[in-house]
Protein backbone atom coordinates (compact mmCIF):
# COMPACT_ATOMS: atom_id res chain seq x y z
CA MET A 1 -0.05 0.12 0.17
CA ASN A 2 1.52 3.31 -0.94
CA ILE A 3 1.64 6.42 1.66
CA GLY A 4 -1.30 7.97 0.49
CA GLN A 5 -3.38 5.20 0.91
CA LYS A 6 -1.96 4.74 4.27
CA PHE A 7 -2.89 8.54 5.22
CA LYS A 8 -6.47 7.91 3.81
CA HIS A 9 -7.03 4.76 6.48
CA TYR A 10 -5.10 6.74 9.04
CA SER A 11 -7.43 9.60 8.64
CA MET A 12 -10.88 7.50 8.81
CA VAL A 13 -9.36 5.41 11.66
CA GLY A 14 -8.57 9.11 13.30
CA ILE A 15 -12.46 9.91 12.89
CA ALA A 16 -13.67 6.97 14.64
CA ASN A 17 -11.02 7.55 17.09
CA THR A 18 -12.16 10.62 17.51
CA LEU A 19 -15.68 9.88 18.07
CA LEU A 20 -15.07 6.83 20.29
CA HIS A 21 -13.23 8.96 22.36
CA PHE A 22 -16.23 11.93 22.58
CA ALA A 23 -18.97 9.03 22.96
CA VAL A 24 -16.89 7.40 25.84
CA LEU A 25 -15.72 11.25 27.31
CA ALA A 26 -19.57 12.05 27.53
CA GLY A 27 -20.95 8.91 28.63
CA LEU A 28 -18.46 8.76 31.66
CA VAL A 29 -19.05 12.50 32.56
CA THR A 30 -22.99 12.76 32.32
CA VAL A 31 -24.28 9.08 32.80
CA ALA A 32 -21.36 7.87 35.52
CA LYS A 33 -20.62 11.51 37.10
CA TRP A 34 -17.37 10.85 36.69
CA PRO A 35 -14.48 13.66 37.22
CA VAL A 36 -13.67 15.12 33.48
CA TRP A 37 -9.75 13.92 34.04
CA ALA A 38 -10.74 10.90 35.04
CA ALA A 39 -13.41 10.23 31.93
CA ASN A 40 -10.74 12.02 29.51
CA LEU A 41 -8.15 9.67 30.27
CA LEU A 42 -9.76 6.56 30.16
CA ALA A 43 -11.45 7.80 27.18
CA PHE A 44 -8.11 8.39 25.59
CA LEU A 45 -7.30 5.25 26.46
CA ALA A 46 -9.80 3.82 24.52
CA ALA A 47 -9.51 5.68 21.48
CA THR A 48 -5.76 5.32 21.24
CA GLY A 49 -6.06 1.62 22.21
CA PHE A 50 -8.63 1.16 19.33
CA GLY A 51 -7.00 3.31 16.91
CA PHE A 52 -3.62 1.13 17.21
CA TRP A 53 -5.33 -2.10 16.65
CA ILE A 54 -7.47 -1.08 13.69
CA ASN A 55 -4.33 1.16 12.16
CA ALA A 56 -1.97 -2.08 12.67
CA LYS A 57 -4.31 -4.61 11.13
CA TRP A 58 -5.84 -2.21 8.51
CA THR A 59 -3.62 0.80 7.34
CA PHE A 60 0.11 -0.85 8.13
CA ARG A 61 -0.77 -4.64 7.49
CA GLN A 62 0.69 -5.87 10.37
CA VAL A 63 0.16 -7.94 14.07
CA PRO A 64 -0.47 -5.90 16.58
CA LYS A 65 2.37 -6.29 19.48
CA LYS A 66 2.70 -4.70 22.78
CA LYS A 67 5.62 -3.20 22.07
CA THR A 68 4.62 -1.11 19.20
CA TYR A 69 1.42 -0.27 21.11
CA LEU A 70 3.75 1.43 24.17
CA GLY A 71 5.45 3.44 21.60
CA PHE A 72 2.32 4.23 19.44
CA VAL A 73 0.60 5.23 23.20
CA CYS A 74 3.67 7.00 24.28
CA MET A 75 3.41 8.83 20.96
CA MET A 76 0.12 9.76 21.30
CA ALA A 77 0.24 11.29 25.09
CA VAL A 78 3.32 13.46 24.34
CA LEU A 79 1.55 14.92 20.93
CA ALA A 80 -1.35 15.44 23.37
CA VAL A 81 0.23 16.96 26.35
CA SER A 82 2.79 19.14 24.05
CA GLY A 83 -0.49 20.62 22.38
CA GLY A 84 -1.52 21.86 25.78
CA TRP A 85 1.98 22.88 27.07
CA LEU A 86 2.30 25.19 23.87
CA THR A 87 -1.13 26.58 24.67
CA ASP A 88 0.00 27.13 28.17
CA PHE A 89 3.08 28.83 27.29
CA PHE A 90 1.83 31.07 24.54
CA GLN A 91 -1.23 31.95 26.69
CA LEU A 92 -4.09 31.09 23.84
CA HIS A 93 -7.93 30.07 24.77
CA SER A 94 -7.85 26.32 25.59
CA ALA A 95 -9.80 25.52 22.31
CA PHE A 96 -6.05 26.04 21.09
CA ALA A 97 -5.25 23.15 22.74
CA LEU A 98 -7.72 20.82 20.87
CA VAL A 99 -7.18 22.16 17.52
CA MET A 100 -3.38 21.56 17.99
CA THR A 101 -4.30 18.19 19.64
CA ALA A 102 -6.18 17.29 17.10
CA THR A 103 -4.06 18.41 14.16
CA GLY A 104 -0.66 16.85 15.34
CA SER A 105 -1.48 13.54 16.42
CA TRP A 106 -3.41 13.49 12.88
CA LEU A 107 -0.26 14.86 10.71
CA LEU A 108 2.40 13.83 13.35
CA GLY A 109 0.80 10.76 14.40
CA PHE A 110 0.89 9.62 11.27
CA LEU A 111 4.21 10.46 10.15
CA GLY A 112 5.38 9.05 13.34
CA SER A 113 3.49 5.45 12.71
CA ASN A 114 4.57 5.30 9.42
CA PHE A 115 8.13 5.54 9.60
CA LEU A 116 9.00 5.16 13.50
CA ILE A 117 5.95 2.79 15.09
CA PHE A 118 4.83 0.60 12.13
CA ARG A 119 7.90 0.98 9.96
CA GLN A 120 8.50 -1.58 7.37
CA LYS A 121 11.85 -3.70 7.86
């Protein structure tokens, strides 16, 4: 599969990840009355786990492994924290963190996944 097809697949999985993240977050906060920080953490882990598994099998045609899963979760966590940190550092509106994290995890996440996490040997 060429890089354009991989990017298309990765993008489609990203849309599903985002919907899953929002659904888990909303359900835990509104129905289960969880605190937002805990609900968002669980939603992040659910979406990241789902995205990793689907991307490994469908986008990159590889068998999911624990080692690559840990690398993927760490990469996505660094991207998420970086967006928040840059927002705080430059004293920007909190919505900027959402946009920066979504964009960063989409573009930089794809590059990291393609060339580091799921690189062809």
